[in-house]
Amino acid sequence: MSGIRTTYSGLISVSVGVITILTGLVFSLIITRTLSMEEYGTWSLILGILMYAVIIEPMISYWATRETARSENSQKTSILAAGVFSSIGMIIFLITFLIISDESYINTEIIIFGVILVPGMFLYRITYAINLGWKPHLASYGFLISEAIKIPIVLALVYFFNMGVIGVIITFFIAQNMSVIFQIYILRDKIKGKIQFRYIRKWLKLSWLTLYTPLSNLIYRTDILIFVVFSESLTGLAIFVVATIVSGIISIADYIVIPTYAKILAGDKEKYLKENLTLMLYFAIPLCLLSVTFAKPALFLLNPIYEGVSIVVIIITIKIFFSSLVNIFQQYLWGNDKIDKEFEVDSKKFLKSSIFKIPTLKIIDYSGYLILLIVGLIILKQNSVTELDYVVYWASLSAIIQIPLLIYLGIQVRKELKISVDVKSVLKYILVGIIVFSVSVIITEEFLIYNNSILEFLPQLLLFIIIPITSYIIITYIIDKRIKNLIHAIIKEIK
């Protein structure tokens, strides 16, 4: 049996997630209040190009988690290989940039400078993947360090020295590499062995699979480049990304199920899967309602110029919720697949595994998404619509495209792992959430005063946020035994 404690690691991850949401909010406040919409769009475009640069990284990280969870000694080989492969990633970054560099509204020098982020992203993802297979909560600590370091650096470089996007890039570069150093230090006892080229040969032999797997995500994230090229709007991209920041609070709920992947890989399949999925929904429901309820004030906080795009936040909230469930179900099915337990496996067997089937389905789904996105943007451009219309169409399509995947993967999880959720409890969570946040809407509209000063507006907003969240926890504690036991367990762990 695995030594991974899923609920404990999950709660640690959730706690770290809450902290990093707060630090991420501070970071976002600094750059959204300091950068213009065009500058923020440029930074978002750099992040989009980086997704292409790290396309080959899963060749290592995918196996790093699985091999570590199964007590194999590939950690040192994984880290050193990541350093070598990052040079290829830098070349991919520059090639991707050249494809769109002719557009006059793109700042060439700034985007090229972003290539320095590639090596750190490789090493960060590899060390995170190893810790995820060993002690998942340690991976969360690495993420926390990265997020915490960003704040003082970006405050100095962007706010005080007014370095703009260059300052944001340098901030990310330092934060990533400090997190890498921390995670390598944690892993120091596991990377003392020799470099084993048999692992590299295995990774290269199965590279068709590990490159094929993230291809679906790469296709999906191509929507950023397509949107910029066809709408010719960095401002629209900035609106989409800022709305995603507000909706991104939902991702906290994902942390509760992070340890289950390593647990399933290690061969443990108990009722904790149902419990963890139900707990995930317990957190996700109020977080979704929180994003929707406070969309307008949250956007105003980030920058008053984004205040009028609340509809985008609502749509993206739905999209992220669907996407979270899709990713969770995918991890369940991949963790349950034992096709790679034998060191030498016929590649043909992989074609019949979920490791291959799920990416294939996603590639088909996301390819259709890109086609519809291109067609829709062309039609909208011919009708001379506003930038907000472009973004609303993009957000709506990105949410709808998740539904076929969610239905298919949900059916497969129920079939293969016999997982279900406690419907009665989930309905209670939904009902309580609707009640407390409906009251919160009325109170907020009546008493929240919009003030351009962050120091005056933020304390007000936090108070209005704390009230429904606290009410939700108290009421569910009273009416639901599972939550009562959870809170008691948290208190016990703290003691």
Protein backbone atom coordinates (compact mmCIF):
# COMPACT_ATOMS: atom_id res chain seq x y z
CA MET A 1 0.00 0.00 0.00
CA SER A 2 1.16 3.55 -0.70
CA GLY A 3 2.34 5.77 2.15
CA ILE A 4 0.63 8.78 0.59
CA ARG A 5 -2.13 10.20 2.81
CA THR A 6 -4.61 11.54 0.29
CA THR A 7 -6.81 13.64 2.57
CA TYR A 8 -3.83 15.02 4.51
CA SER A 9 -1.87 15.88 1.36
CA GLY A 10 -5.03 17.16 -0.24
CA LEU A 11 -5.75 19.49 2.68
CA ILE A 12 -2.15 20.70 2.67
CA SER A 13 -2.53 21.39 -1.06
CA VAL A 14 -5.83 23.21 -0.50
CA SER A 15 -4.26 25.33 2.27
CA VAL A 16 -1.35 26.18 0.02
CA GLY A 17 -3.83 26.88 -2.77
CA VAL A 18 -5.70 29.41 -0.61
CA ILE A 19 -2.44 31.14 0.33
CA THR A 20 -1.23 31.23 -3.26
CA ILE A 21 -4.57 32.61 -4.43
CA LEU A 22 -4.01 35.51 -2.03
CA THR A 23 -0.40 36.01 -3.12
CA GLY A 24 -1.51 35.64 -6.74
CA LEU A 25 -4.13 38.32 -6.15
CA VAL A 26 -1.50 40.71 -4.83
CA PHE A 27 0.76 39.91 -7.79
CA SER A 28 -2.10 40.42 -10.25
CA LEU A 29 -3.08 43.69 -8.57
CA ILE A 30 0.42 45.04 -9.04
CA ILE A 31 0.71 44.20 -12.73
CA THR A 32 -2.88 44.94 -13.77
CA ARG A 33 -2.81 48.29 -11.98
CA THR A 34 0.62 49.13 -13.43
CA LEU A 35 0.59 47.73 -16.97
CA SER A 36 -1.61 49.09 -19.74
CA MET A 37 -4.10 46.73 -21.41
CA GLU A 38 -1.73 46.37 -24.39
CA GLU A 39 1.24 45.58 -22.11
CA TYR A 40 -0.80 43.05 -20.17
CA GLY A 41 -1.88 41.51 -23.47
CA THR A 42 1.79 41.24 -24.47
CA TRP A 43 2.60 39.40 -21.24
CA SER A 44 -0.34 37.05 -21.83
CA LEU A 45 0.93 36.37 -25.35
CA ILE A 46 4.35 35.43 -23.95
CA LEU A 47 2.68 32.91 -21.63
CA GLY A 48 0.83 31.52 -24.65
CA ILE A 49 4.05 31.05 -26.62
CA LEU A 50 5.68 29.35 -23.61
CA MET A 51 3.08 26.56 -23.91
CA TYR A 52 4.71 25.61 -27.22
CA ALA A 53 8.21 25.82 -25.77
CA VAL A 54 7.47 23.19 -23.12
CA ILE A 55 5.70 20.76 -25.48
CA ILE A 56 8.51 18.19 -25.15
CA GLU A 57 8.76 18.49 -21.36
CA PRO A 58 6.15 15.73 -20.67
CA MET A 59 8.58 13.25 -22.27
CA ILE A 60 10.25 13.34 -18.86
CA SER A 61 7.74 14.63 -16.30
CA TYR A 62 5.00 12.19 -17.29
CA TRP A 63 7.20 9.22 -16.41
CA ALA A 64 8.88 11.02 -13.47
CA THR A 65 5.65 10.98 -11.46
CA ARG A 66 4.75 7.40 -12.36
CA GLU A 67 8.26 6.02 -11.77
CA THR A 68 8.68 7.88 -8.46
CA ALA A 69 5.28 6.67 -7.20
CA ARG A 70 6.40 3.12 -8.01
CA SER A 71 9.74 3.57 -6.18
CA GLU A 72 11.94 3.53 -9.28
CA ASN A 73 15.24 5.45 -9.21
CA SER A 74 14.96 7.80 -12.21
CA GLN A 75 14.97 11.15 -10.40
CA LYS A 76 18.55 12.29 -11.09
CA THR A 77 18.27 11.25 -14.71
CA SER A 78 14.99 13.19 -15.03
CA ILE A 79 16.44 16.45 -13.70
CA LEU A 80 19.59 16.37 -15.83
CA ALA A 81 17.62 15.43 -18.94
CA ALA A 82 15.29 18.38 -18.31
CA GLY A 83 18.23 20.76 -18.42
CA VAL A 84 19.35 19.39 -21.78
CA PHE A 85 15.88 19.29 -23.32
CA SER A 86 15.17 22.90 -22.29
CA SER A 87 17.57 24.08 -25.03
CA ILE A 88 15.24 22.51 -27.60
CA GLY A 89 12.35 24.29 -25.89
CA MET A 90 14.11 27.64 -26.34
CA ILE A 91 14.41 26.99 -30.07
CA ILE A 92 10.71 26.11 -30.26
CA PHE A 93 9.88 29.37 -28.44
CA LEU A 94 11.78 31.45 -30.99
CA ILE A 95 10.29 29.61 -33.98
CA THR A 96 6.76 30.10 -32.62
CA PHE A 97 7.44 33.78 -32.16
CA LEU A 98 8.73 34.15 -35.73
CA ILE A 99 5.40 32.86 -37.04
CA ILE A 100 3.49 35.83 -35.58
CA SER A 101 6.28 38.44 -35.47
CA ASP A 102 5.09 40.31 -38.58
CA GLU A 103 2.10 41.75 -36.73
CA SER A 104 2.71 45.47 -36.15
CA TYR A 105 1.01 45.58 -32.75
CA ILE A 106 3.44 43.07 -31.19
CA ASN A 107 6.54 44.26 -29.28
CA THR A 108 9.29 42.05 -30.74
CA GLU A 109 12.11 42.81 -28.28
CA ILE A 110 10.05 42.12 -25.17
CA ILE A 111 8.69 38.80 -26.42
CA ILE A 112 12.14 37.55 -27.46
CA PHE A 113 13.40 38.37 -23.96
CA GLY A 114 10.75 35.97 -22.62
CA VAL A 115 12.84 33.02 -23.88
CA ILE A 116 14.83 33.14 -20.62
CA LEU A 117 11.82 31.59 -18.86
CA VAL A 118 12.04 28.30 -20.76
CA PRO A 119 14.82 26.47 -18.79
CA GLY A 120 13.23 27.37 -15.45
CA MET A 121 9.84 26.08 -16.61
CA PHE A 122 11.38 22.74 -17.60
CA LEU A 123 13.18 22.25 -14.31
CA TYR A 124 10.23 23.48 -12.24
CA ARG A 125 7.83 21.05 -13.91
CA ILE A 126 10.21 18.10 -13.58
CA THR A 127 10.95 18.64 -9.89
CA TYR A 128 7.24 19.22 -9.24
CA ALA A 129 6.39 15.98 -11.06
CA ILE A 130 8.89 13.99 -8.99
CA ASN A 131 7.58 15.37 -5.70
CA LEU A 132 4.03 14.71 -6.87
CA GLY A 133 4.85 11.02 -7.10
CA TRP A 134 6.72 10.98 -3.78
CA LYS A 135 5.15 13.43 -1.31
CA PRO A 136 2.52 15.56 -3.07
CA HIS A 137 2.34 18.20 -0.34
CA LEU A 138 6.04 19.00 -0.89
CA ALA A 139 5.23 19.89 -4.48
CA SER A 140 2.67 22.32 -3.10
CA TYR A 141 5.32 23.95 -0.91
CA GLY A 142 7.48 24.48 -3.99
CA PHE A 143 4.59 26.26 -5.68
CA LEU A 144 4.02 28.38 -2.57
CA ILE A 145 7.64 29.53 -2.55
CA SER A 146 7.42 30.52 -6.20
CA GLU A 147 4.26 32.57 -5.60
CA ALA A 148 5.55 34.27 -2.43
CA ILE A 149 8.85 35.35 -3.99
CA LYS A 150 7.09 37.04 -6.90
CA ILE A 151 5.47 39.76 -4.79
CA PRO A 152 8.48 41.72 -3.45
CA ILE A 153 10.35 41.36 -6.75
CA VAL A 154 7.49 42.51 -9.00
CA LEU A 155 6.73 45.32 -6.55
CA ALA A 156 10.29 46.58 -6.89
CA LEU A 157 10.77 46.06 -10.63
CA VAL A 158 7.32 46.89 -12.01
CA TYR A 159 5.74 49.23 -9.45
CA PHE A 160 8.74 51.25 -8.22
CA PHE A 161 11.19 51.02 -11.16
CA ASN A 162 8.45 50.95 -13.82
CA MET A 163 10.15 48.21 -15.88
CA GLY A 164 6.86 47.04 -17.40
CA VAL A 165 6.68 43.61 -19.02
CA ILE A 166 10.46 43.18 -18.75
CA GLY A 167 10.12 43.45 -14.97
CA VAL A 168 7.37 40.79 -14.96
CA ILE A 169 9.57 38.42 -16.99
CA ILE A 170 12.52 38.87 -14.63
CA THR A 171 10.20 38.30 -11.66
CA PHE A 172 8.97 34.99 -13.06
CA PHE A 173 12.54 33.95 -13.91
CA ILE A 174 13.78 34.47 -10.34
CA ALA A 175 10.69 32.93 -8.69
CA GLN A 176 10.75 29.78 -10.81
CA ASN A 177 14.42 29.12 -10.24
CA MET A 178 14.19 29.69 -6.50
CA SER A 179 11.38 27.12 -6.37
CA VAL A 180 13.52 24.70 -8.39
CA ILE A 181 16.40 25.08 -5.92
CA PHE A 182 14.04 24.39 -3.02
CA GLN A 183 12.53 21.28 -4.62
CA ILE A 184 15.93 19.88 -5.61
CA TYR A 185 17.06 20.39 -2.01
CA ILE A 186 14.05 18.40 -0.80
CA LEU A 187 14.90 15.65 -3.29
CA ARG A 188 18.61 15.59 -2.47
CA ASP A 189 18.46 12.07 -1.01
CA LYS A 190 16.59 10.74 -4.03
CA ILE A 191 18.98 12.14 -6.65
CA LYS A 192 22.23 10.73 -5.30
CA GLY A 193 22.18 7.74 -7.61
CA LYS A 194 23.77 7.37 -11.03
CA ILE A 195 22.39 8.61 -14.31
CA GLN A 196 20.62 5.67 -15.90
CA PHE A 197 20.46 5.86 -19.67
CA ARG A 198 17.94 3.04 -19.77
CA TYR A 199 15.32 5.52 -18.60
CA ILE A 200 16.30 7.99 -21.32
CA ARG A 201 16.05 5.20 -23.90
CA LYS A 202 12.61 4.33 -22.56
CA TRP A 203 11.46 7.95 -22.68
CA LEU A 204 12.75 8.39 -26.23
CA LYS A 205 11.21 5.11 -27.36
CA LEU A 206 7.84 6.14 -25.98
CA SER A 207 8.25 9.82 -26.90
CA TRP A 208 5.56 9.43 -29.56
CA LEU A 209 3.16 8.77 -26.69
CA THR A 210 4.30 11.48 -24.29
CA LEU A 211 4.46 14.06 -27.08
CA TYR A 212 1.08 12.94 -28.33
CA THR A 213 -0.49 13.26 -24.88
CA PRO A 214 0.15 17.03 -24.39
CA LEU A 215 -0.62 17.72 -28.06
CA SER A 216 -4.28 18.11 -27.15
CA ASN A 217 -3.46 20.84 -24.64
CA LEU A 218 -1.17 22.54 -27.14
CA ILE A 219 -3.97 22.55 -29.71
CA TYR A 220 -6.36 23.94 -27.12
CA ARG A 221 -3.99 26.73 -26.04
CA THR A 222 -3.47 27.72 -29.68
CA ASP A 223 -6.69 29.66 -29.18
CA ILE A 224 -4.57 32.49 -27.74
CA LEU A 225 -2.56 32.92 -30.93
CA ILE A 226 -5.65 32.46 -33.11
CA PHE A 227 -7.54 35.10 -31.15
CA VAL A 228 -4.69 37.62 -31.38
CA VAL A 229 -4.14 37.04 -35.11
CA PHE A 230 -7.79 37.06 -36.22
CA SER A 231 -9.10 39.76 -33.87
CA GLU A 232 -5.88 41.81 -34.01
CA SER A 233 -6.50 42.71 -30.40
CA LEU A 234 -4.10 42.44 -27.48
CA THR A 235 -6.70 44.33 -25.46
CA GLY A 236 -9.24 41.53 -25.95
CA LEU A 237 -6.63 39.01 -24.82
CA ALA A 238 -6.00 41.11 -21.71
CA ILE A 239 -9.74 41.09 -20.91
CA PHE A 240 -9.90 37.29 -21.28
CA VAL A 241 -6.86 36.71 -19.06
CA VAL A 242 -8.00 39.15 -16.35
CA ALA A 243 -11.43 37.46 -16.27
CA THR A 244 -9.61 34.12 -15.94
CA ILE A 245 -7.72 35.46 -12.90
CA VAL A 246 -11.01 36.20 -11.14
CA SER A 247 -12.49 32.82 -12.10
CA GLY A 248 -9.25 30.98 -11.34
CA ILE A 249 -10.09 30.87 -7.64
CA ILE A 250 -12.00 27.67 -8.46
CA SER A 251 -8.68 25.89 -9.01
CA ILE A 252 -8.25 25.75 -5.21
CA ALA A 253 -10.75 22.87 -5.18
CA ASP A 254 -8.55 20.84 -7.55
CA TYR A 255 -5.83 20.57 -4.92
CA ILE A 256 -7.90 18.21 -2.77
CA VAL A 257 -7.64 15.47 -5.42
CA ILE A 258 -4.01 16.01 -6.49
CA PRO A 259 -2.62 13.20 -4.26
CA THR A 260 -5.10 10.61 -5.59
CA TYR A 261 -3.17 10.22 -8.86
CA ALA A 262 -0.05 8.98 -7.07
CA LYS A 263 -2.22 6.89 -4.75
CA ILE A 264 -3.92 5.09 -7.65
CA LEU A 265 -0.56 4.61 -9.40
CA ALA A 266 0.75 2.91 -6.27
CA GLY A 267 -2.10 0.40 -6.46
CA ASP A 268 -4.49 1.74 -3.82
CA LYS A 269 -8.15 1.89 -4.86
CA GLU A 270 -10.40 2.43 -1.90
CA LYS A 271 -13.46 4.48 -1.07
CA TYR A 272 -11.25 7.56 -0.64
CA LEU A 273 -11.84 8.31 -4.34
CA LYS A 274 -15.53 8.93 -3.74
CA GLU A 275 -14.75 10.94 -0.61
CA ASN A 276 -12.13 13.08 -2.33
CA LEU A 277 -14.36 13.81 -5.31
CA THR A 278 -17.22 14.79 -2.99
CA LEU A 279 -14.88 17.03 -0.99
CA MET A 280 -13.65 18.60 -4.22
CA LEU A 281 -17.24 19.56 -5.05
CA TYR A 282 -17.71 20.85 -1.49
CA PHE A 283 -14.94 23.38 -2.14
CA ALA A 284 -15.74 24.02 -5.82
CA ILE A 285 -19.39 24.99 -5.30
CA PRO A 286 -18.82 28.04 -3.06
CA LEU A 287 -15.76 29.05 -5.08
CA CYS A 288 -17.83 29.10 -8.29
CA LEU A 289 -20.51 31.14 -6.56
CA LEU A 290 -17.85 33.44 -5.11
CA SER A 291 -16.40 34.16 -8.58
CA VAL A 292 -19.84 34.91 -10.02
CA THR A 293 -21.09 36.97 -7.07
CA PHE A 294 -18.00 39.17 -6.78
CA ALA A 295 -17.08 39.35 -10.47
CA LYS A 296 -17.70 43.09 -10.79
CA PRO A 297 -15.91 44.23 -7.60
CA ALA A 298 -13.01 41.82 -8.24
CA LEU A 299 -12.52 43.24 -11.73
CA PHE A 300 -12.76 46.78 -10.34
CA LEU A 301 -10.09 45.86 -7.78
CA LEU A 302 -7.71 44.58 -10.46
CA ASN A 303 -8.25 47.71 -12.52
CA PRO A 304 -11.40 49.84 -12.96
CA ILE A 305 -10.98 49.66 -16.76
CA TYR A 306 -12.04 45.97 -16.61
CA GLU A 307 -15.15 46.57 -14.48
CA GLY A 308 -17.65 46.12 -17.31
CA VAL A 309 -16.67 42.59 -18.37
CA SER A 310 -18.38 40.60 -15.59
CA ILE A 311 -20.19 38.43 -18.16
CA VAL A 312 -16.82 37.04 -19.27
CA VAL A 313 -15.99 36.05 -15.68
CA ILE A 314 -19.29 34.16 -15.35
CA ILE A 315 -18.72 32.23 -18.58
CA ILE A 316 -15.10 31.39 -17.76
CA THR A 317 -16.14 30.26 -14.27
CA ILE A 318 -18.38 27.63 -15.88
CA LYS A 319 -15.59 26.67 -18.27
CA ILE A 320 -13.00 26.23 -15.49
CA PHE A 321 -15.41 24.11 -13.42
CA PHE A 322 -16.03 21.78 -16.37
CA SER A 323 -12.33 21.72 -17.22
CA SER A 324 -11.41 20.83 -13.60
CA LEU A 325 -13.69 17.80 -13.66
CA VAL A 326 -12.30 16.75 -17.05
CA ASN A 327 -8.72 16.89 -15.73
CA ILE A 328 -9.65 15.02 -12.53
CA PHE A 329 -11.39 12.21 -14.42
CA GLN A 330 -8.44 12.01 -16.79
CA GLN A 331 -6.00 11.60 -13.90
CA TYR A 332 -8.18 8.89 -12.37
CA LEU A 333 -8.20 6.89 -15.60
CA TRP A 334 -4.49 7.37 -16.26
CA GLY A 335 -3.60 6.40 -12.71
CA ASN A 336 -5.68 3.24 -13.05
CA ASP A 337 -3.97 2.25 -16.32
CA LYS A 338 -1.17 -0.28 -15.69
CA ILE A 339 0.07 -0.57 -19.26
CA ASP A 340 3.50 0.88 -18.39
CA LYS A 341 4.29 -1.27 -15.34
CA GLU A 342 6.45 -3.56 -17.46
CA PHE A 343 9.69 -1.87 -18.45
CA GLU A 344 9.54 -3.18 -22.02
CA VAL A 345 6.07 -2.80 -23.49
CA ASP A 346 4.88 -3.27 -27.04
CA SER A 347 3.91 0.15 -28.38
CA LYS A 348 0.78 -1.35 -29.92
CA LYS A 349 -0.60 -2.02 -26.46
CA PHE A 350 -0.45 1.69 -25.68
CA LEU A 351 -2.82 2.39 -28.57
CA LYS A 352 -5.52 0.53 -26.66
CA SER A 353 -4.84 2.24 -23.33
CA SER A 354 -6.47 5.31 -21.82
CA ILE A 355 -3.07 7.00 -21.99
CA PHE A 356 -3.56 7.12 -25.78
CA LYS A 357 -7.35 7.15 -26.14
CA ILE A 358 -8.04 10.20 -23.98
CA PRO A 359 -5.56 12.51 -25.78
CA THR A 360 -7.00 11.33 -29.11
CA LEU A 361 -10.50 12.28 -28.03
CA LYS A 362 -9.28 15.65 -26.78
CA ILE A 363 -7.38 16.34 -29.99
CA ILE A 364 -10.55 15.76 -32.03
CA ASP A 365 -12.62 17.88 -29.65
CA TYR A 366 -10.16 20.77 -29.46
CA SER A 367 -9.49 20.76 -33.22
CA GLY A 368 -13.21 21.33 -33.74
CA TYR A 369 -13.02 24.11 -31.15
CA LEU A 370 -10.27 25.93 -33.07
CA ILE A 371 -12.16 25.64 -36.36
CA LEU A 372 -15.29 27.11 -34.79
CA LEU A 373 -13.21 29.84 -33.14
CA ILE A 374 -11.63 30.88 -36.44
CA VAL A 375 -14.95 30.85 -38.31
CA GLY A 376 -16.69 32.80 -35.54
CA LEU A 377 -13.96 35.45 -35.30
CA ILE A 378 -14.03 35.97 -39.08
CA ILE A 379 -17.81 36.43 -39.03
CA LEU A 380 -17.63 38.81 -36.07
CA LYS A 381 -14.91 40.85 -37.75
CA GLN A 382 -17.05 41.28 -40.86
CA ASN A 383 -19.83 42.68 -38.67
CA SER A 384 -17.54 45.21 -36.94
CA VAL A 385 -18.41 44.14 -33.39
CA THR A 386 -16.78 45.35 -30.17
CA GLU A 387 -13.77 43.73 -28.52
CA LEU A 388 -16.04 42.49 -25.73
CA ASP A 389 -18.14 40.60 -28.31
CA TYR A 390 -14.99 38.83 -29.52
CA VAL A 391 -14.11 37.82 -25.97
CA VAL A 392 -17.64 36.67 -25.05
CA TYR A 393 -17.73 34.41 -28.12
CA TRP A 394 -14.29 33.00 -27.30
CA ALA A 395 -15.17 32.36 -23.66
CA SER A 396 -18.55 30.77 -24.50
CA LEU A 397 -17.05 28.41 -27.06
CA SER A 398 -14.24 27.37 -24.69
CA ALA A 399 -16.85 26.43 -22.07
CA ILE A 400 -19.16 24.51 -24.41
CA ILE A 401 -16.31 22.45 -25.87
CA GLN A 402 -15.64 20.89 -22.43
CA ILE A 403 -19.08 19.24 -22.22
CA PRO A 404 -18.48 16.26 -24.58
CA LEU A 405 -15.22 15.42 -22.78
CA LEU A 406 -16.86 15.70 -19.37
CA ILE A 407 -19.67 13.32 -20.30
CA TYR A 408 -17.37 10.70 -21.87
CA LEU A 409 -14.74 10.70 -19.12
CA GLY A 410 -17.40 10.73 -16.40
CA ILE A 411 -18.94 7.58 -17.88
CA GLN A 412 -15.53 5.88 -18.14
CA VAL A 413 -14.60 6.71 -14.54
CA ARG A 414 -17.87 5.33 -13.27
CA LYS A 415 -17.40 2.20 -15.38
CA GLU A 416 -13.73 1.45 -14.60
CA LEU A 417 -13.35 2.71 -11.03
CA LYS A 418 -16.95 2.45 -9.84
CA ILE A 419 -16.72 6.02 -8.56
CA SER A 420 -19.74 8.09 -7.69
CA VAL A 421 -20.39 11.14 -5.56
CA ASP A 422 -22.62 11.52 -2.53
CA VAL A 423 -25.48 13.20 -4.39
CA LYS A 424 -27.40 14.00 -1.20
CA SER A 425 -24.44 15.84 0.30
CA VAL A 426 -23.65 17.69 -2.94
CA LEU A 427 -27.26 18.90 -3.19
CA LYS A 428 -26.97 20.21 0.37
CA TYR A 429 -23.78 22.07 -0.53
CA ILE A 430 -25.46 23.62 -3.59
CA LEU A 431 -28.54 24.69 -1.64
CA VAL A 432 -26.53 26.23 1.19
CA GLY A 433 -24.24 27.98 -1.30
CA ILE A 434 -27.14 29.49 -3.25
CA ILE A 435 -28.78 30.78 -0.09
CA VAL A 436 -25.71 32.41 1.50
CA PHE A 437 -24.42 33.94 -1.73
CA SER A 438 -27.86 35.22 -2.75
CA VAL A 439 -27.99 37.12 0.53
CA SER A 440 -24.43 38.27 -0.14
CA VAL A 441 -25.42 39.71 -3.53
CA ILE A 442 -28.11 41.85 -1.90
CA ILE A 443 -25.79 43.07 0.87
CA THR A 444 -22.94 43.81 -1.56
CA GLU A 445 -25.10 45.81 -3.97
CA GLU A 446 -26.46 47.84 -1.09
CA PHE A 447 -23.39 48.57 1.02
CA LEU A 448 -20.16 48.02 -0.98
CA ILE A 449 -18.60 51.37 -1.89
CA TYR A 450 -16.40 51.39 -5.01
CA ASN A 451 -13.24 53.38 -4.31
CA ASN A 452 -10.25 53.68 -6.64
CA SER A 453 -7.89 53.43 -3.68
CA ILE A 454 -6.86 49.79 -3.18
CA LEU A 455 -6.10 50.37 0.49
CA GLU A 456 -9.68 51.54 1.07
CA PHE A 457 -11.54 49.21 -1.31
CA LEU A 458 -9.74 45.90 -0.62
CA PRO A 459 -10.53 45.67 3.14
CA GLN A 460 -14.19 46.30 2.35
CA LEU A 461 -14.26 43.64 -0.34
CA LEU A 462 -12.51 41.05 1.84
CA LEU A 463 -15.10 41.58 4.57
CA PHE A 464 -17.96 41.01 2.13
CA ILE A 465 -16.21 37.85 0.86
CA ILE A 466 -15.51 36.42 4.31
CA ILE A 467 -19.15 36.63 5.41
CA PRO A 468 -20.67 34.16 2.86
CA ILE A 469 -17.68 31.81 3.01
CA THR A 470 -17.83 31.63 6.80
CA SER A 471 -21.60 31.16 6.70
CA TYR A 472 -21.22 28.32 4.19
CA ILE A 473 -18.69 26.50 6.36
CA ILE A 474 -20.71 26.92 9.58
CA ILE A 475 -24.00 25.77 8.05
CA THR A 476 -22.48 22.75 6.31
CA TYR A 477 -20.65 21.87 9.53
CA ILE A 478 -23.99 21.77 11.32
CA ILE A 479 -25.98 19.80 8.73
CA ASP A 480 -23.36 17.48 7.20
CA LYS A 481 -21.46 14.81 9.16
CA ARG A 482 -18.70 14.55 6.55
CA ILE A 483 -17.78 18.23 6.91
CA LYS A 484 -17.95 18.01 10.69
CA ASN A 485 -15.46 15.11 10.62
CA LEU A 486 -13.28 16.99 8.12
CA ILE A 487 -13.04 20.09 10.29
CA HIS A 488 -12.29 17.97 13.36
CA ALA A 489 -9.55 16.20 11.38
CA ILE A 490 -8.06 19.55 10.33
CA ILE A 491 -7.99 20.74 13.94
CA LYS A 492 -6.38 17.47 14.98
CA GLU A 493 -3.67 17.81 12.31
CA ILE A 494 -2.98 21.39 13.41
CA LYS A 495 -2.56 20.26 17.01
